[in-house]
């Protein structure tokens, strides 16, 4: 037998008063704190199932959100422990074969990146390439990057250090810790630097996804032979900083 809470009993009383024409549906919805459409649905359930019709349909079920959060925590713990050093593809296979966690590789990738866990790169042969010449003077180019790491050495959450240096002098122009690399982080970094030092001639980052996105270019972008940009890239373009 379903036990009604005080909230359920209040709802039942309100719906019963609607049936007795003591309340309109509009007033009943206001008292219950729901929209009129939801009030009609509750009334229909009560008319069909009686008192238990006021009980929420998810009563007694396990919360899917909690299940999801628990699974995410387990994946992160395995990636940092038992399967540390595994790339996204290999980790996805092990989760399915050994841990009975069936997730797509893309889902695993998103979980790990959100926690600042990068996929190890394959060792490649040494490439011989010419060294890029530094800019001639300070203020011509900023180098920016984000570095997710266990900076607190286990004494707190993993953080990402977002910073910028001057290409000509290696002078640190700005840096701060944040929970994860994001557009907000770079906007905050640039805002402080631009106010204090002015606009550089250009900005460089090894992580090109800071400025450009892999989404399909629009027709206008294709006509201009323009690569799709992120919010950060568009913001810099509006300031005239390539």
C-alpha atoms as a PDB file:
ATOM      1  CA  UNK A   1       0.000   0.000   0.000  1.00  0.00           C
ATOM      2  CA  UNK A   2       1.363   3.420  -0.978  1.00  0.00           C
ATOM      3  CA  UNK A   3       1.942   5.772   1.979  1.00  0.00           C
ATOM      4  CA  UNK A   4       1.032   9.377   1.318  1.00  0.00           C
ATOM      5  CA  UNK A   5       3.292  12.179   2.465  1.00  0.00           C
ATOM      6  CA  UNK A   6       1.899  15.405   3.887  1.00  0.00           C
ATOM      7  CA  UNK A   7       2.422  17.009   0.490  1.00  0.00           C
ATOM      8  CA  UNK A   8       0.500  14.179  -1.203  1.00  0.00           C
ATOM      9  CA  UNK A   9      -2.347  14.467   1.296  1.00  0.00           C
ATOM     10  CA  UNK A  10      -2.556  18.202   0.656  1.00  0.00           C
ATOM     11  CA  UNK A  11      -2.726  17.601  -3.086  1.00  0.00           C
ATOM     12  CA  UNK A  12      -5.406  14.969  -2.642  1.00  0.00           C
ATOM     13  CA  UNK A  13      -7.495  17.351  -0.559  1.00  0.00           C
ATOM     14  CA  UNK A  14      -7.167  20.067  -3.203  1.00  0.00           C
ATOM     15  CA  UNK A  15      -8.171  17.713  -6.050  1.00  0.00           C
ATOM     16  CA  UNK A  16     -11.127  16.438  -4.030  1.00  0.00           C
ATOM     17  CA  UNK A  17     -12.263  20.049  -3.527  1.00  0.00           C
ATOM     18  CA  UNK A  18     -12.013  20.515  -7.301  1.00  0.00           C
ATOM     19  CA  UNK A  19     -14.287  17.500  -7.778  1.00  0.00           C
ATOM     20  CA  UNK A  20     -16.725  19.059  -5.301  1.00  0.00           C
ATOM     21  CA  UNK A  21     -16.619  22.313  -7.311  1.00  0.00           C
ATOM     22  CA  UNK A  22     -15.215  24.176  -4.320  1.00  0.00           C
ATOM     23  CA  UNK A  23     -12.087  25.169  -6.274  1.00  0.00           C
ATOM     24  CA  UNK A  24     -11.454  25.921  -9.937  1.00  0.00           C
ATOM     25  CA  UNK A  25      -8.510  24.301 -11.714  1.00  0.00           C
ATOM     26  CA  UNK A  26      -6.779  27.682 -11.899  1.00  0.00           C
ATOM     27  CA  UNK A  27      -6.970  28.182  -8.118  1.00  0.00           C
ATOM     28  CA  UNK A  28      -6.027  24.547  -7.469  1.00  0.00           C
ATOM     29  CA  UNK A  29      -2.907  24.904  -9.625  1.00  0.00           C
ATOM     30  CA  UNK A  30      -1.895  28.059  -7.743  1.00  0.00           C
ATOM     31  CA  UNK A  31      -2.297  26.374  -4.352  1.00  0.00           C
ATOM     32  CA  UNK A  32      -0.384  23.280  -5.485  1.00  0.00           C
ATOM     33  CA  UNK A  33       2.368  25.384  -7.031  1.00  0.00           C
ATOM     34  CA  UNK A  34       2.131  23.746 -10.465  1.00  0.00           C
ATOM     35  CA  UNK A  35       0.940  24.794 -13.885  1.00  0.00           C
ATOM     36  CA  UNK A  36      -2.710  24.309 -14.819  1.00  0.00           C
ATOM     37  CA  UNK A  37      -1.817  21.537 -17.267  1.00  0.00           C
ATOM     38  CA  UNK A  38       0.006  19.584 -14.543  1.00  0.00           C
ATOM     39  CA  UNK A  39      -2.990  20.053 -12.254  1.00  0.00           C
ATOM     40  CA  UNK A  40      -5.249  18.479 -14.894  1.00  0.00           C
ATOM     41  CA  UNK A  41      -2.865  15.513 -15.110  1.00  0.00           C
ATOM     42  CA  UNK A  42      -2.970  14.991 -11.335  1.00  0.00           C
ATOM     43  CA  UNK A  43      -6.772  15.207 -11.390  1.00  0.00           C
ATOM     44  CA  UNK A  44      -6.932  12.595 -14.166  1.00  0.00           C
ATOM     45  CA  UNK A  45      -4.657  10.222 -12.217  1.00  0.00           C
ATOM     46  CA  UNK A  46      -6.779  10.612  -9.086  1.00  0.00           C
ATOM     47  CA  UNK A  47      -9.926   9.954 -11.091  1.00  0.00           C
ATOM     48  CA  UNK A  48      -8.362   6.773 -12.490  1.00  0.00           C
ATOM     49  CA  UNK A  49      -6.301   5.425  -9.570  1.00  0.00           C
ATOM     50  CA  UNK A  50      -7.803   7.101  -6.515  1.00  0.00           C
ATOM     51  CA  UNK A  51      -5.663   8.517  -3.719  1.00  0.00           C
ATOM     52  CA  UNK A  52      -2.420   7.004  -5.019  1.00  0.00           C
ATOM     53  CA  UNK A  53      -2.837   9.105  -8.160  1.00  0.00           C
ATOM     54  CA  UNK A  54      -1.286  12.083  -6.344  1.00  0.00           C
ATOM     55  CA  UNK A  55       1.951  10.150  -5.732  1.00  0.00           C
ATOM     56  CA  UNK A  56       4.771  11.089  -8.114  1.00  0.00           C
ATOM     57  CA  UNK A  57       5.388   8.489 -10.804  1.00  0.00           C
ATOM     58  CA  UNK A  58       9.048   8.130  -9.801  1.00  0.00           C
ATOM     59  CA  UNK A  59       8.241   7.309  -6.168  1.00  0.00           C
ATOM     60  CA  UNK A  60      10.249   4.290  -5.016  1.00  0.00           C
ATOM     61  CA  UNK A  61      12.499   4.275  -8.084  1.00  0.00           C
ATOM     62  CA  UNK A  62      16.231   4.768  -7.935  1.00  0.00           C
ATOM     63  CA  UNK A  63      17.321   8.224  -9.029  1.00  0.00           C
ATOM     64  CA  UNK A  64      18.888   7.993 -12.489  1.00  0.00           C
ATOM     65  CA  UNK A  65      20.962  11.088 -11.791  1.00  0.00           C
ATOM     66  CA  UNK A  66      22.527   9.505  -8.701  1.00  0.00           C
ATOM     67  CA  UNK A  67      23.261   6.330 -10.655  1.00  0.00           C
ATOM     68  CA  UNK A  68      24.927   8.413 -13.350  1.00  0.00           C
ATOM     69  CA  UNK A  69      27.025  10.402 -10.859  1.00  0.00           C
ATOM     70  CA  UNK A  70      28.135   7.199  -9.123  1.00  0.00           C
ATOM     71  CA  UNK A  71      29.152   5.677 -12.463  1.00  0.00           C
ATOM     72  CA  UNK A  72      31.110   8.797 -13.457  1.00  0.00           C
ATOM     73  CA  UNK A  73      33.000   8.761 -10.141  1.00  0.00           C
ATOM     74  CA  UNK A  74      33.853   5.097 -10.664  1.00  0.00           C
ATOM     75  CA  UNK A  75      35.150   5.698 -14.206  1.00  0.00           C
ATOM     76  CA  UNK A  76      37.339   8.571 -12.983  1.00  0.00           C
ATOM     77  CA  UNK A  77      38.669   6.495 -10.080  1.00  0.00           C
ATOM     78  CA  UNK A  78      39.551   3.602 -12.416  1.00  0.00           C
ATOM     79  CA  UNK A  79      41.209   5.965 -14.916  1.00  0.00           C
ATOM     80  CA  UNK A  80      43.406   7.405 -12.159  1.00  0.00           C
ATOM     81  CA  UNK A  81      44.075   4.100 -10.483  1.00  0.00           C
ATOM     82  CA  UNK A  82      43.755   0.624 -11.973  1.00  0.00           C
ATOM     83  CA  UNK A  83      43.851   1.799 -15.595  1.00  0.00           C
ATOM     84  CA  UNK A  84      46.143   4.812 -15.249  1.00  0.00           C
ATOM     85  CA  UNK A  85      47.971   5.514 -18.512  1.00  0.00           C
ATOM     86  CA  UNK A  86      45.360   3.825 -20.728  1.00  0.00           C
ATOM     87  CA  UNK A  87      44.201   5.826 -23.725  1.00  0.00           C
ATOM     88  CA  UNK A  88      40.500   6.522 -24.290  1.00  0.00           C
ATOM     89  CA  UNK A  89      39.946   3.594 -26.656  1.00  0.00           C
ATOM     90  CA  UNK A  90      41.757   1.022 -24.485  1.00  0.00           C
ATOM     91  CA  UNK A  91      40.066   2.292 -21.318  1.00  0.00           C
ATOM     92  CA  UNK A  92      36.625   2.029 -22.949  1.00  0.00           C
ATOM     93  CA  UNK A  93      37.349  -1.618 -23.835  1.00  0.00           C
ATOM     94  CA  UNK A  94      38.546  -2.462 -20.307  1.00  0.00           C
ATOM     95  CA  UNK A  95      35.536  -0.798 -18.712  1.00  0.00           C
ATOM     96  CA  UNK A  96      33.257  -3.005 -20.782  1.00  0.00           C
ATOM     97  CA  UNK A  97      35.243  -6.254 -20.506  1.00  0.00           C
ATOM     98  CA  UNK A  98      36.438  -6.075 -16.901  1.00  0.00           C
ATOM     99  CA  UNK A  99      34.114  -3.656 -15.094  1.00  0.00           C
ATOM    100  CA  UNK A 100      30.792  -4.227 -16.936  1.00  0.00           C
ATOM    101  CA  UNK A 101      30.520  -0.486 -17.651  1.00  0.00           C
ATOM    102  CA  UNK A 102      29.250  -0.025 -21.191  1.00  0.00           C
ATOM    103  CA  UNK A 103      29.970   3.492 -22.433  1.00  0.00           C
ATOM    104  CA  UNK A 104      30.902   4.837 -25.835  1.00  0.00           C
ATOM    105  CA  UNK A 105      34.482   6.020 -26.338  1.00  0.00           C
ATOM    106  CA  UNK A 106      33.182   9.582 -26.823  1.00  0.00           C
ATOM    107  CA  UNK A 107      31.345   9.451 -23.480  1.00  0.00           C
ATOM    108  CA  UNK A 108      34.473   8.159 -21.745  1.00  0.00           C
ATOM    109  CA  UNK A 109      36.499  10.922 -23.401  1.00  0.00           C
ATOM    110  CA  UNK A 110      34.107  13.612 -22.163  1.00  0.00           C
ATOM    111  CA  UNK A 111      34.140  12.280 -18.597  1.00  0.00           C
ATOM    112  CA  UNK A 112      37.940  12.186 -18.485  1.00  0.00           C
ATOM    113  CA  UNK A 113      38.471  15.634 -20.037  1.00  0.00           C
ATOM    114  CA  UNK A 114      35.965  17.179 -17.636  1.00  0.00           C
ATOM    115  CA  UNK A 115      38.172  15.864 -14.808  1.00  0.00           C
ATOM    116  CA  UNK A 116      41.378  17.081 -16.441  1.00  0.00           C
ATOM    117  CA  UNK A 117      42.565  13.581 -17.415  1.00  0.00           C
ATOM    118  CA  UNK A 118      44.294  13.640 -20.798  1.00  0.00           C
ATOM    119  CA  UNK A 119      44.684  10.646 -23.088  1.00  0.00           C
ATOM    120  CA  UNK A 120      48.362   9.591 -23.308  1.00  0.00           C
ATOM    121  CA  UNK A 121      49.868  10.243 -26.703  1.00  0.00           C
ATOM    122  CA  UNK A 122      51.598   7.616 -28.770  1.00  0.00           C
ATOM    123  CA  UNK A 123      55.344   7.900 -28.987  1.00  0.00           C
ATOM    124  CA  UNK A 124      56.343   9.174 -32.382  1.00  0.00           C
ATOM    125  CA  UNK A 125      59.647   9.431 -34.091  1.00  0.00           C
ATOM    126  CA  UNK A 126      61.595  12.628 -33.592  1.00  0.00           C
ATOM    127  CA  UNK A 127      60.601  15.203 -36.164  1.00  0.00           C
ATOM    128  CA  UNK A 128      63.307  17.516 -37.381  1.00  0.00           C
ATOM    129  CA  UNK A 129      61.862  20.899 -38.008  1.00  0.00           C
ATOM    130  CA  UNK A 130      63.114  24.416 -37.997  1.00  0.00           C
ATOM    131  CA  UNK A 131      62.714  26.353 -34.784  1.00  0.00           C
ATOM    132  CA  UNK A 132      60.246  29.219 -34.895  1.00  0.00           C
ATOM    133  CA  UNK A 133      61.918  32.562 -34.421  1.00  0.00           C
ATOM    134  CA  UNK A 134      60.763  34.568 -31.428  1.00  0.00           C
ATOM    135  CA  UNK A 135      59.050  37.870 -32.012  1.00  0.00           C
ATOM    136  CA  UNK A 136      61.325  40.890 -32.127  1.00  0.00           C
ATOM    137  CA  UNK A 137      59.914  42.794 -29.169  1.00  0.00           C
ATOM    138  CA  UNK A 138      57.598  42.552 -26.183  1.00  0.00           C
ATOM    139  CA  UNK A 139      53.890  42.895 -26.894  1.00  0.00           C
ATOM    140  CA  UNK A 140      53.952  41.434 -30.393  1.00  0.00           C
ATOM    141  CA  UNK A 141      52.726  37.921 -29.479  1.00  0.00           C
ATOM    142  CA  UNK A 142      51.221  36.183 -26.475  1.00  0.00           C
ATOM    143  CA  UNK A 143      51.607  32.438 -25.954  1.00  0.00           C
ATOM    144  CA  UNK A 144      48.670  30.972 -24.006  1.00  0.00           C
ATOM    145  CA  UNK A 145      48.033  27.488 -22.655  1.00  0.00           C
ATOM    146  CA  UNK A 146      46.157  25.533 -20.005  1.00  0.00           C
ATOM    147  CA  UNK A 147      47.785  22.858 -17.846  1.00  0.00           C
ATOM    148  CA  UNK A 148      45.436  20.476 -15.920  1.00  0.00           C
ATOM    149  CA  UNK A 149      47.362  18.806 -13.117  1.00  0.00           C
ATOM    150  CA  UNK A 150      47.187  17.680  -9.496  1.00  0.00           C
ATOM    151  CA  UNK A 151      48.740  20.967  -8.408  1.00  0.00           C
ATOM    152  CA  UNK A 152      47.659  20.505  -4.769  1.00  0.00           C
ATOM    153  CA  UNK A 153      49.279  17.048  -4.610  1.00  0.00           C
ATOM    154  CA  UNK A 154      46.146  15.291  -3.394  1.00  0.00           C
ATOM    155  CA  UNK A 155      45.275  17.922  -0.782  1.00  0.00           C
ATOM    156  CA  UNK A 156      42.404  19.292  -2.875  1.00  0.00           C
ATOM    157  CA  UNK A 157      40.712  19.078  -6.260  1.00  0.00           C
ATOM    158  CA  UNK A 158      42.615  18.825  -9.522  1.00  0.00           C
ATOM    159  CA  UNK A 159      43.027  22.283 -11.044  1.00  0.00           C
ATOM    160  CA  UNK A 160      43.996  23.772 -14.384  1.00  0.00           C
ATOM    161  CA  UNK A 161      46.603  26.525 -14.594  1.00  0.00           C
ATOM    162  CA  UNK A 162      45.724  28.925 -17.417  1.00  0.00           C
ATOM    163  CA  UNK A 163      48.474  31.383 -18.275  1.00  0.00           C
ATOM    164  CA  UNK A 164      50.092  33.591 -20.891  1.00  0.00           C
ATOM    165  CA  UNK A 165      53.706  34.595 -21.543  1.00  0.00           C
ATOM    166  CA  UNK A 166      55.213  37.135 -23.884  1.00  0.00           C
ATOM    167  CA  UNK A 167      56.785  35.380 -26.872  1.00  0.00           C
ATOM    168  CA  UNK A 168      59.796  37.715 -27.077  1.00  0.00           C
ATOM    169  CA  UNK A 169      60.768  37.883 -23.400  1.00  0.00           C
ATOM    170  CA  UNK A 170      59.109  34.856 -21.706  1.00  0.00           C
ATOM    171  CA  UNK A 171      57.596  37.334 -19.256  1.00  0.00           C
ATOM    172  CA  UNK A 172      54.523  35.953 -17.483  1.00  0.00           C
ATOM    173  CA  UNK A 173      51.703  38.302 -18.454  1.00  0.00           C
ATOM    174  CA  UNK A 174      49.006  36.587 -16.415  1.00  0.00           C
ATOM    175  CA  UNK A 175      48.068  33.236 -14.864  1.00  0.00           C
ATOM    176  CA  UNK A 176      45.522  31.773 -12.486  1.00  0.00           C
ATOM    177  CA  UNK A 177      44.052  28.446 -11.343  1.00  0.00           C
ATOM    178  CA  UNK A 178      40.565  27.312 -12.339  1.00  0.00           C
ATOM    179  CA  UNK A 179      38.597  24.065 -12.144  1.00  0.00           C
ATOM    180  CA  UNK A 180      38.925  23.279 -15.859  1.00  0.00           C
ATOM    181  CA  UNK A 181      40.101  24.794 -19.130  1.00  0.00           C
ATOM    182  CA  UNK A 182      37.181  26.767 -20.561  1.00  0.00           C
ATOM    183  CA  UNK A 183      36.144  29.774 -22.627  1.00  0.00           C
ATOM    184  CA  UNK A 184      35.400  31.647 -19.393  1.00  0.00           C
ATOM    185  CA  UNK A 185      38.951  31.002 -18.210  1.00  0.00           C
ATOM    186  CA  UNK A 186      40.544  32.429 -21.356  1.00  0.00           C
ATOM    187  CA  UNK A 187      38.181  35.404 -21.439  1.00  0.00           C
ATOM    188  CA  UNK A 188      39.156  36.158 -17.825  1.00  0.00           C
ATOM    189  CA  UNK A 189      42.860  35.805 -18.641  1.00  0.00           C
ATOM    190  CA  UNK A 190      42.690  38.046 -21.718  1.00  0.00           C
ATOM    191  CA  UNK A 191      40.546  40.633 -19.941  1.00  0.00           C
ATOM    192  CA  UNK A 192      43.155  41.177 -17.234  1.00  0.00           C
ATOM    193  CA  UNK A 193      46.110  41.254 -19.650  1.00  0.00           C
ATOM    194  CA  UNK A 194      44.460  43.572 -22.171  1.00  0.00           C
ATOM    195  CA  UNK A 195      43.483  46.047 -19.453  1.00  0.00           C
ATOM    196  CA  UNK A 196      46.995  46.147 -18.002  1.00  0.00           C
ATOM    197  CA  UNK A 197      49.192  45.835 -21.093  1.00  0.00           C
ATOM    198  CA  UNK A 198      46.953  46.570 -24.069  1.00  0.00           C
ATOM    199  CA  UNK A 199      46.281  44.382 -27.113  1.00  0.00           C
ATOM    200  CA  UNK A 200      49.057  42.192 -28.568  1.00  0.00           C
ATOM    201  CA  UNK A 201      49.542  41.892 -32.309  1.00  0.00           C
ATOM    202  CA  UNK A 202      48.736  38.166 -32.193  1.00  0.00           C
ATOM    203  CA  UNK A 203      48.068  35.233 -29.877  1.00  0.00           C
ATOM    204  CA  UNK A 204      49.472  31.706 -30.207  1.00  0.00           C
ATOM    205  CA  UNK A 205      48.366  28.457 -28.573  1.00  0.00           C
ATOM    206  CA  UNK A 206      49.423  24.845 -29.141  1.00  0.00           C
ATOM    207  CA  UNK A 207      45.852  23.879 -28.245  1.00  0.00           C
ATOM    208  CA  UNK A 208      44.121  25.244 -31.362  1.00  0.00           C
ATOM    209  CA  UNK A 209      40.709  24.154 -30.038  1.00  0.00           C
ATOM    210  CA  UNK A 210      40.871  27.272 -27.856  1.00  0.00           C
ATOM    211  CA  UNK A 211      40.218  29.368 -30.961  1.00  0.00           C
ATOM    212  CA  UNK A 212      38.753  27.017 -33.559  1.00  0.00           C
ATOM    213  CA  UNK A 213      36.057  24.360 -33.507  1.00  0.00           C
ATOM    214  CA  UNK A 214      35.552  21.177 -35.540  1.00  0.00           C
ATOM    215  CA  UNK A 215      31.937  21.980 -36.348  1.00  0.00           C
ATOM    216  CA  UNK A 216      30.924  22.181 -40.006  1.00  0.00           C
ATOM    217  CA  UNK A 217      31.442  25.626 -41.494  1.00  0.00           C
ATOM    218  CA  UNK A 218      28.382  27.675 -42.409  1.00  0.00           C
ATOM    219  CA  UNK A 219      27.737  28.733 -46.003  1.00  0.00           C
ATOM    220  CA  UNK A 220      28.980  32.267 -45.239  1.00  0.00           C
ATOM    221  CA  UNK A 221      32.166  30.888 -43.650  1.00  0.00           C
ATOM    222  CA  UNK A 222      32.758  28.616 -46.624  1.00  0.00           C
ATOM    223  CA  UNK A 223      32.370  31.529 -49.051  1.00  0.00           C
ATOM    224  CA  UNK A 224      34.925  33.527 -47.043  1.00  0.00           C
ATOM    225  CA  UNK A 225      37.190  30.456 -46.723  1.00  0.00           C
ATOM    226  CA  UNK A 226      37.004  31.000 -42.984  1.00  0.00           C
ATOM    227  CA  UNK A 227      37.569  28.331 -40.359  1.00  0.00           C
ATOM    228  CA  UNK A 228      34.779  28.024 -37.714  1.00  0.00           C
ATOM    229  CA  UNK A 229      35.837  29.727 -34.494  1.00  0.00           C
ATOM    230  CA  UNK A 230      34.947  29.264 -30.820  1.00  0.00           C
ATOM    231  CA  UNK A 231      33.565  32.023 -28.577  1.00  0.00           C
ATOM    232  CA  UNK A 232      37.146  32.904 -27.648  1.00  0.00           C
ATOM    233  CA  UNK A 233      38.206  33.070 -31.302  1.00  0.00           C
ATOM    234  CA  UNK A 234      35.236  35.243 -32.232  1.00  0.00           C
ATOM    235  CA  UNK A 235      35.909  37.576 -29.313  1.00  0.00           C
ATOM    236  CA  UNK A 236      39.529  38.075 -30.367  1.00  0.00           C
ATOM    237  CA  UNK A 237      38.488  38.651 -33.972  1.00  0.00           C
ATOM    238  CA  UNK A 238      36.150  41.433 -32.859  1.00  0.00           C
ATOM    239  CA  UNK A 239      39.099  43.069 -31.058  1.00  0.00           C
ATOM    240  CA  UNK A 240      41.262  42.689 -34.174  1.00  0.00           C
ATOM    241  CA  UNK A 241      43.690  40.210 -32.578  1.00  0.00           C
ATOM    242  CA  UNK A 242      44.526  37.274 -34.930  1.00  0.00           C
END
